[in-house]
């Protein structure tokens, strides 16, 4: 019942090559001493774009050369206090706003085995155990991620189908279920994974071998963010 993934046409990707991912998972950021410059540059560019002005406009209003502004926005130079004051006045933000990203804490959540928060999730029924393995709100990425460990037992009712914003990733740990996504069914066994658009109706359709356990990682845009 497990469906086979569609093969990528060699016409779309010559020589059968798959498109490269947009981010290198092994990339290392600049050394610590350069993080401040990168943070300032990021904020300058963000505030400029928020105002809808070009680098040329900003250069004209501050008296800073185009080349210097480009270096500042790319984090290639450490701007002087006088330069930052000029940018602050032109962009209409306090001087401290340029350091916000540098000073933001980066949080981490560690959960010992068996200590995830057990909770009731919308649509949960008898025998469906949800353990939230971690949650970081108001993070710097603009994305909320909810990792769950889901356990289905012999007492479990059949799920109603879920439908919510974002993306979801499942990884089967134990047991077997037939999982529905839209009009497709996937027979999932230990080691199988499923990654999908969560806006389509989805959920376990048939509980084949119990108990079943799988990881469910849901991600969606952080709310309350201004674009």
C-alpha atoms as a PDB file:
ATOM      1  CA  UNK A   1       0.000   0.000   0.000  1.00  0.00           C
ATOM      2  CA  UNK A   2       3.052   2.244   0.286  1.00  0.00           C
ATOM      3  CA  UNK A   3       3.283   4.489  -2.737  1.00  0.00           C
ATOM      4  CA  UNK A   4       6.553   4.874  -4.588  1.00  0.00           C
ATOM      5  CA  UNK A   5       8.021   8.371  -4.915  1.00  0.00           C
ATOM      6  CA  UNK A   6       7.798   9.819  -8.375  1.00  0.00           C
ATOM      7  CA  UNK A   7      11.038   9.847 -10.342  1.00  0.00           C
ATOM      8  CA  UNK A   8      12.455  13.181 -11.326  1.00  0.00           C
ATOM      9  CA  UNK A   9      12.509  13.668 -15.060  1.00  0.00           C
ATOM     10  CA  UNK A  10      15.996  13.973 -16.548  1.00  0.00           C
ATOM     11  CA  UNK A  11      14.564  16.671 -18.815  1.00  0.00           C
ATOM     12  CA  UNK A  12      13.983  18.862 -15.777  1.00  0.00           C
ATOM     13  CA  UNK A  13      17.363  18.036 -14.208  1.00  0.00           C
ATOM     14  CA  UNK A  14      20.065  17.096 -16.741  1.00  0.00           C
ATOM     15  CA  UNK A  15      22.106  13.970 -16.003  1.00  0.00           C
ATOM     16  CA  UNK A  16      19.569  13.007 -13.341  1.00  0.00           C
ATOM     17  CA  UNK A  17      20.976  15.590 -10.925  1.00  0.00           C
ATOM     18  CA  UNK A  18      18.665  16.818  -8.186  1.00  0.00           C
ATOM     19  CA  UNK A  19      18.434  20.535  -7.365  1.00  0.00           C
ATOM     20  CA  UNK A  20      20.788  21.601  -4.590  1.00  0.00           C
ATOM     21  CA  UNK A  21      19.325  22.543  -1.215  1.00  0.00           C
ATOM     22  CA  UNK A  22      19.359  26.253  -0.479  1.00  0.00           C
ATOM     23  CA  UNK A  23      21.215  25.869   2.823  1.00  0.00           C
ATOM     24  CA  UNK A  24      24.330  23.916   3.711  1.00  0.00           C
ATOM     25  CA  UNK A  25      23.537  22.023   6.952  1.00  0.00           C
ATOM     26  CA  UNK A  26      27.269  21.890   7.741  1.00  0.00           C
ATOM     27  CA  UNK A  27      27.961  25.579   7.116  1.00  0.00           C
ATOM     28  CA  UNK A  28      29.853  27.437   9.832  1.00  0.00           C
ATOM     29  CA  UNK A  29      29.197  31.088  10.516  1.00  0.00           C
ATOM     30  CA  UNK A  30      31.861  33.746  10.683  1.00  0.00           C
ATOM     31  CA  UNK A  31      34.117  33.747  13.765  1.00  0.00           C
ATOM     32  CA  UNK A  32      32.650  35.333  16.874  1.00  0.00           C
ATOM     33  CA  UNK A  33      34.494  38.633  16.382  1.00  0.00           C
ATOM     34  CA  UNK A  34      32.718  39.171  13.043  1.00  0.00           C
ATOM     35  CA  UNK A  35      29.217  38.326  14.305  1.00  0.00           C
ATOM     36  CA  UNK A  36      28.637  41.906  15.483  1.00  0.00           C
ATOM     37  CA  UNK A  37      29.330  43.337  12.016  1.00  0.00           C
ATOM     38  CA  UNK A  38      27.021  40.783  10.418  1.00  0.00           C
ATOM     39  CA  UNK A  39      24.269  41.563  12.928  1.00  0.00           C
ATOM     40  CA  UNK A  40      24.537  45.315  12.363  1.00  0.00           C
ATOM     41  CA  UNK A  41      24.526  44.872   8.584  1.00  0.00           C
ATOM     42  CA  UNK A  42      21.442  42.663   8.761  1.00  0.00           C
ATOM     43  CA  UNK A  43      19.538  45.274  10.784  1.00  0.00           C
ATOM     44  CA  UNK A  44      20.583  48.186   8.546  1.00  0.00           C
ATOM     45  CA  UNK A  45      19.376  46.323   5.447  1.00  0.00           C
ATOM     46  CA  UNK A  46      16.147  45.204   7.155  1.00  0.00           C
ATOM     47  CA  UNK A  47      15.215  48.726   8.308  1.00  0.00           C
ATOM     48  CA  UNK A  48      16.113  50.191   4.903  1.00  0.00           C
ATOM     49  CA  UNK A  49      13.894  47.694   3.101  1.00  0.00           C
ATOM     50  CA  UNK A  50      11.104  48.250   5.600  1.00  0.00           C
ATOM     51  CA  UNK A  51      11.123  51.930   4.612  1.00  0.00           C
ATOM     52  CA  UNK A  52      11.160  50.950   0.945  1.00  0.00           C
ATOM     53  CA  UNK A  53      14.271  52.972   0.116  1.00  0.00           C
ATOM     54  CA  UNK A  54      17.309  52.010  -1.965  1.00  0.00           C
ATOM     55  CA  UNK A  55      20.946  52.026  -0.958  1.00  0.00           C
ATOM     56  CA  UNK A  56      21.303  55.124  -3.144  1.00  0.00           C
ATOM     57  CA  UNK A  57      18.528  56.877  -1.204  1.00  0.00           C
ATOM     58  CA  UNK A  58      20.160  55.992   2.099  1.00  0.00           C
ATOM     59  CA  UNK A  59      23.561  57.162   0.872  1.00  0.00           C
ATOM     60  CA  UNK A  60      22.094  60.513  -0.170  1.00  0.00           C
ATOM     61  CA  UNK A  61      20.396  61.079   3.189  1.00  0.00           C
ATOM     62  CA  UNK A  62      23.422  60.090   5.293  1.00  0.00           C
ATOM     63  CA  UNK A  63      26.360  61.243   3.210  1.00  0.00           C
ATOM     64  CA  UNK A  64      27.830  57.742   3.392  1.00  0.00           C
ATOM     65  CA  UNK A  65      29.218  56.403   0.120  1.00  0.00           C
ATOM     66  CA  UNK A  66      27.497  53.559  -1.737  1.00  0.00           C
ATOM     67  CA  UNK A  67      30.566  51.385  -1.356  1.00  0.00           C
ATOM     68  CA  UNK A  68      30.689  51.942   2.401  1.00  0.00           C
ATOM     69  CA  UNK A  69      26.970  51.190   2.793  1.00  0.00           C
ATOM     70  CA  UNK A  70      27.355  47.992   0.799  1.00  0.00           C
ATOM     71  CA  UNK A  71      30.188  46.866   3.065  1.00  0.00           C
ATOM     72  CA  UNK A  72      28.148  47.709   6.170  1.00  0.00           C
ATOM     73  CA  UNK A  73      25.083  45.778   5.000  1.00  0.00           C
ATOM     74  CA  UNK A  74      27.208  42.759   4.079  1.00  0.00           C
ATOM     75  CA  UNK A  75      28.958  42.773   7.452  1.00  0.00           C
ATOM     76  CA  UNK A  76      32.372  43.383   5.876  1.00  0.00           C
ATOM     77  CA  UNK A  77      33.257  46.436   7.920  1.00  0.00           C
ATOM     78  CA  UNK A  78      32.844  47.719  11.461  1.00  0.00           C
ATOM     79  CA  UNK A  79      31.044  51.089  11.190  1.00  0.00           C
ATOM     80  CA  UNK A  80      32.058  53.932  13.490  1.00  0.00           C
ATOM     81  CA  UNK A  81      29.725  55.333  16.124  1.00  0.00           C
ATOM     82  CA  UNK A  82      29.321  58.482  14.006  1.00  0.00           C
ATOM     83  CA  UNK A  83      28.284  56.381  10.996  1.00  0.00           C
ATOM     84  CA  UNK A  84      25.784  54.435  13.094  1.00  0.00           C
ATOM     85  CA  UNK A  85      24.315  57.673  14.426  1.00  0.00           C
ATOM     86  CA  UNK A  86      23.812  58.908  10.849  1.00  0.00           C
ATOM     87  CA  UNK A  87      22.102  55.648   9.901  1.00  0.00           C
ATOM     88  CA  UNK A  88      19.995  55.790  13.037  1.00  0.00           C
ATOM     89  CA  UNK A  89      18.662  59.262  12.182  1.00  0.00           C
ATOM     90  CA  UNK A  90      18.071  58.413   8.501  1.00  0.00           C
ATOM     91  CA  UNK A  91      16.226  55.169   9.270  1.00  0.00           C
ATOM     92  CA  UNK A  92      14.283  56.582  12.221  1.00  0.00           C
ATOM     93  CA  UNK A  93      15.361  53.930  14.714  1.00  0.00           C
ATOM     94  CA  UNK A  94      17.322  54.135  17.982  1.00  0.00           C
ATOM     95  CA  UNK A  95      21.029  53.386  17.818  1.00  0.00           C
ATOM     96  CA  UNK A  96      20.522  50.290  19.973  1.00  0.00           C
ATOM     97  CA  UNK A  97      18.238  48.778  17.292  1.00  0.00           C
ATOM     98  CA  UNK A  98      21.308  47.847  15.231  1.00  0.00           C
ATOM     99  CA  UNK A  99      22.556  45.559  18.031  1.00  0.00           C
ATOM    100  CA  UNK A 100      19.266  43.753  18.635  1.00  0.00           C
ATOM    101  CA  UNK A 101      20.111  40.679  16.571  1.00  0.00           C
ATOM    102  CA  UNK A 102      23.575  40.369  18.096  1.00  0.00           C
ATOM    103  CA  UNK A 103      22.223  40.503  21.643  1.00  0.00           C
ATOM    104  CA  UNK A 104      19.266  38.151  21.071  1.00  0.00           C
ATOM    105  CA  UNK A 105      19.583  34.975  23.178  1.00  0.00           C
ATOM    106  CA  UNK A 106      19.648  31.674  21.282  1.00  0.00           C
ATOM    107  CA  UNK A 107      17.637  29.165  23.262  1.00  0.00           C
ATOM    108  CA  UNK A 108      17.881  25.388  23.496  1.00  0.00           C
ATOM    109  CA  UNK A 109      15.547  22.866  25.120  1.00  0.00           C
ATOM    110  CA  UNK A 110      16.813  19.522  26.472  1.00  0.00           C
ATOM    111  CA  UNK A 111      14.286  16.812  27.392  1.00  0.00           C
ATOM    112  CA  UNK A 112      15.360  13.639  29.180  1.00  0.00           C
ATOM    113  CA  UNK A 113      13.902  10.326  28.005  1.00  0.00           C
ATOM    114  CA  UNK A 114      10.338   9.918  29.223  1.00  0.00           C
ATOM    115  CA  UNK A 115      10.061  13.528  30.409  1.00  0.00           C
ATOM    116  CA  UNK A 116       8.290  15.108  27.424  1.00  0.00           C
ATOM    117  CA  UNK A 117       5.174  17.098  28.296  1.00  0.00           C
ATOM    118  CA  UNK A 118       2.110  14.923  27.824  1.00  0.00           C
ATOM    119  CA  UNK A 119      -0.754  16.994  26.468  1.00  0.00           C
ATOM    120  CA  UNK A 120      -4.135  16.960  24.833  1.00  0.00           C
ATOM    121  CA  UNK A 121      -3.929  18.042  21.191  1.00  0.00           C
ATOM    122  CA  UNK A 122      -6.891  18.961  19.037  1.00  0.00           C
ATOM    123  CA  UNK A 123      -8.492  15.722  17.805  1.00  0.00           C
ATOM    124  CA  UNK A 124      -6.796  13.535  20.427  1.00  0.00           C
ATOM    125  CA  UNK A 125      -8.875  10.530  21.499  1.00  0.00           C
ATOM    126  CA  UNK A 126      -8.503   7.634  23.932  1.00  0.00           C
ATOM    127  CA  UNK A 127      -5.226   5.797  23.499  1.00  0.00           C
ATOM    128  CA  UNK A 128      -3.485   8.567  21.546  1.00  0.00           C
ATOM    129  CA  UNK A 129      -0.596   9.827  23.665  1.00  0.00           C
ATOM    130  CA  UNK A 130       1.159  13.043  22.638  1.00  0.00           C
ATOM    131  CA  UNK A 131       4.466  13.995  24.235  1.00  0.00           C
ATOM    132  CA  UNK A 132       5.789  17.426  23.288  1.00  0.00           C
ATOM    133  CA  UNK A 133       9.584  17.078  23.173  1.00  0.00           C
ATOM    134  CA  UNK A 134      10.429  20.795  23.107  1.00  0.00           C
ATOM    135  CA  UNK A 135       9.180  24.231  22.198  1.00  0.00           C
ATOM    136  CA  UNK A 136      10.922  27.585  21.665  1.00  0.00           C
ATOM    137  CA  UNK A 137       8.623  30.564  21.225  1.00  0.00           C
ATOM    138  CA  UNK A 138       9.673  33.958  19.811  1.00  0.00           C
ATOM    139  CA  UNK A 139      12.843  32.550  18.277  1.00  0.00           C
ATOM    140  CA  UNK A 140      15.077  34.294  15.755  1.00  0.00           C
ATOM    141  CA  UNK A 141      14.166  32.066  12.775  1.00  0.00           C
ATOM    142  CA  UNK A 142      10.574  33.258  12.318  1.00  0.00           C
ATOM    143  CA  UNK A 143       9.421  29.618  12.321  1.00  0.00           C
ATOM    144  CA  UNK A 144       7.709  27.633  15.088  1.00  0.00           C
ATOM    145  CA  UNK A 145       8.634  23.938  15.332  1.00  0.00           C
ATOM    146  CA  UNK A 146       6.657  21.448  17.451  1.00  0.00           C
ATOM    147  CA  UNK A 147       8.303  18.009  17.868  1.00  0.00           C
ATOM    148  CA  UNK A 148       5.984  15.304  19.209  1.00  0.00           C
ATOM    149  CA  UNK A 149       6.422  11.663  20.161  1.00  0.00           C
ATOM    150  CA  UNK A 150       3.082  10.017  19.361  1.00  0.00           C
ATOM    151  CA  UNK A 151       2.085   6.643  20.799  1.00  0.00           C
ATOM    152  CA  UNK A 152      -0.930   4.680  19.547  1.00  0.00           C
ATOM    153  CA  UNK A 153      -2.102   1.718  21.645  1.00  0.00           C
ATOM    154  CA  UNK A 154      -4.701  -1.016  21.351  1.00  0.00           C
ATOM    155  CA  UNK A 155      -7.167   1.360  22.999  1.00  0.00           C
ATOM    156  CA  UNK A 156      -6.751   3.959  20.272  1.00  0.00           C
ATOM    157  CA  UNK A 157      -9.691   5.092  18.240  1.00  0.00           C
ATOM    158  CA  UNK A 158      -9.136   5.791  14.560  1.00  0.00           C
ATOM    159  CA  UNK A 159      -7.989   9.378  14.112  1.00  0.00           C
ATOM    160  CA  UNK A 160     -10.159  12.057  12.655  1.00  0.00           C
ATOM    161  CA  UNK A 161      -8.125  13.634   9.869  1.00  0.00           C
ATOM    162  CA  UNK A 162      -6.059  16.672  10.809  1.00  0.00           C
ATOM    163  CA  UNK A 163      -5.643  19.751   8.649  1.00  0.00           C
ATOM    164  CA  UNK A 164      -3.519  22.725   9.680  1.00  0.00           C
ATOM    165  CA  UNK A 165      -1.003  25.217   8.357  1.00  0.00           C
ATOM    166  CA  UNK A 166       2.671  24.445   7.844  1.00  0.00           C
ATOM    167  CA  UNK A 167       4.704  21.356   7.023  1.00  0.00           C
ATOM    168  CA  UNK A 168       4.914  18.057   8.904  1.00  0.00           C
ATOM    169  CA  UNK A 169       7.538  15.311   9.068  1.00  0.00           C
ATOM    170  CA  UNK A 170       6.837  11.808  10.403  1.00  0.00           C
ATOM    171  CA  UNK A 171       9.402   9.149  11.322  1.00  0.00           C
ATOM    172  CA  UNK A 172       8.157   5.693  12.260  1.00  0.00           C
ATOM    173  CA  UNK A 173       9.828   4.150  15.316  1.00  0.00           C
ATOM    174  CA  UNK A 174       7.702   1.129  16.236  1.00  0.00           C
ATOM    175  CA  UNK A 175       4.648  -0.759  14.970  1.00  0.00           C
ATOM    176  CA  UNK A 176       2.868  -0.195  11.658  1.00  0.00           C
ATOM    177  CA  UNK A 177       0.161   2.197  10.510  1.00  0.00           C
ATOM    178  CA  UNK A 178      -1.444   3.098   7.226  1.00  0.00           C
ATOM    179  CA  UNK A 179      -1.223   6.878   7.150  1.00  0.00           C
ATOM    180  CA  UNK A 180      -3.455   9.052   4.993  1.00  0.00           C
ATOM    181  CA  UNK A 181      -2.379  12.280   3.289  1.00  0.00           C
ATOM    182  CA  UNK A 182      -5.064  13.715   1.052  1.00  0.00           C
ATOM    183  CA  UNK A 183      -6.160  10.870  -1.231  1.00  0.00           C
ATOM    184  CA  UNK A 184      -2.934   8.877  -0.763  1.00  0.00           C
ATOM    185  CA  UNK A 185      -2.249   6.053   1.701  1.00  0.00           C
ATOM    186  CA  UNK A 186       1.219   5.161   3.017  1.00  0.00           C
ATOM    187  CA  UNK A 187       1.962   1.880   4.807  1.00  0.00           C
ATOM    188  CA  UNK A 188       4.514   3.027   7.380  1.00  0.00           C
ATOM    189  CA  UNK A 189       6.924   0.668   9.164  1.00  0.00           C
ATOM    190  CA  UNK A 190       9.912   1.387  11.466  1.00  0.00           C
ATOM    191  CA  UNK A 191      12.471   3.526   9.640  1.00  0.00           C
ATOM    192  CA  UNK A 192       9.943   4.937   7.160  1.00  0.00           C
ATOM    193  CA  UNK A 193       9.404   8.684   6.961  1.00  0.00           C
ATOM    194  CA  UNK A 194       6.790  10.961   5.449  1.00  0.00           C
ATOM    195  CA  UNK A 195       7.171  14.704   4.781  1.00  0.00           C
ATOM    196  CA  UNK A 196       4.121  16.639   3.656  1.00  0.00           C
ATOM    197  CA  UNK A 197       2.098  19.828   3.370  1.00  0.00           C
ATOM    198  CA  UNK A 198      -0.071  19.763   6.498  1.00  0.00           C
ATOM    199  CA  UNK A 199      -2.840  21.789   4.858  1.00  0.00           C
ATOM    200  CA  UNK A 200      -4.129  18.557   3.262  1.00  0.00           C
ATOM    201  CA  UNK A 201      -6.265  16.213   5.434  1.00  0.00           C
ATOM    202  CA  UNK A 202      -3.974  13.681   7.124  1.00  0.00           C
ATOM    203  CA  UNK A 203      -3.808  11.131   9.940  1.00  0.00           C
ATOM    204  CA  UNK A 204      -3.545   7.381  10.707  1.00  0.00           C
ATOM    205  CA  UNK A 205      -6.103   5.480   8.655  1.00  0.00           C
ATOM    206  CA  UNK A 206      -5.443   1.888   9.772  1.00  0.00           C
ATOM    207  CA  UNK A 207      -3.601   0.747  12.900  1.00  0.00           C
ATOM    208  CA  UNK A 208      -1.838  -2.362  11.539  1.00  0.00           C
ATOM    209  CA  UNK A 209       0.558  -3.320  14.332  1.00  0.00           C
ATOM    210  CA  UNK A 210       0.313  -1.949  17.863  1.00  0.00           C
ATOM    211  CA  UNK A 211       1.622  -0.327  19.900  1.00  0.00           C
ATOM    212  CA  UNK A 212       2.871   2.175  17.295  1.00  0.00           C
ATOM    213  CA  UNK A 213       5.186   5.095  17.962  1.00  0.00           C
ATOM    214  CA  UNK A 214       6.391   7.791  15.626  1.00  0.00           C
ATOM    215  CA  UNK A 215       7.942  11.232  15.704  1.00  0.00           C
ATOM    216  CA  UNK A 216       5.819  14.063  14.333  1.00  0.00           C
ATOM    217  CA  UNK A 217       7.609  17.367  13.684  1.00  0.00           C
ATOM    218  CA  UNK A 218       5.346  20.251  12.696  1.00  0.00           C
ATOM    219  CA  UNK A 219       6.639  23.628  11.501  1.00  0.00           C
ATOM    220  CA  UNK A 220       4.735  26.792  10.628  1.00  0.00           C
ATOM    221  CA  UNK A 221       5.362  30.555  10.427  1.00  0.00           C
ATOM    222  CA  UNK A 222       5.740  32.403  13.702  1.00  0.00           C
ATOM    223  CA  UNK A 223       2.643  34.520  14.277  1.00  0.00           C
ATOM    224  CA  UNK A 224       2.679  38.202  15.139  1.00  0.00           C
ATOM    225  CA  UNK A 225       5.688  38.921  12.939  1.00  0.00           C
ATOM    226  CA  UNK A 226       5.512  42.010  10.766  1.00  0.00           C
ATOM    227  CA  UNK A 227       6.770  41.500   7.204  1.00  0.00           C
END
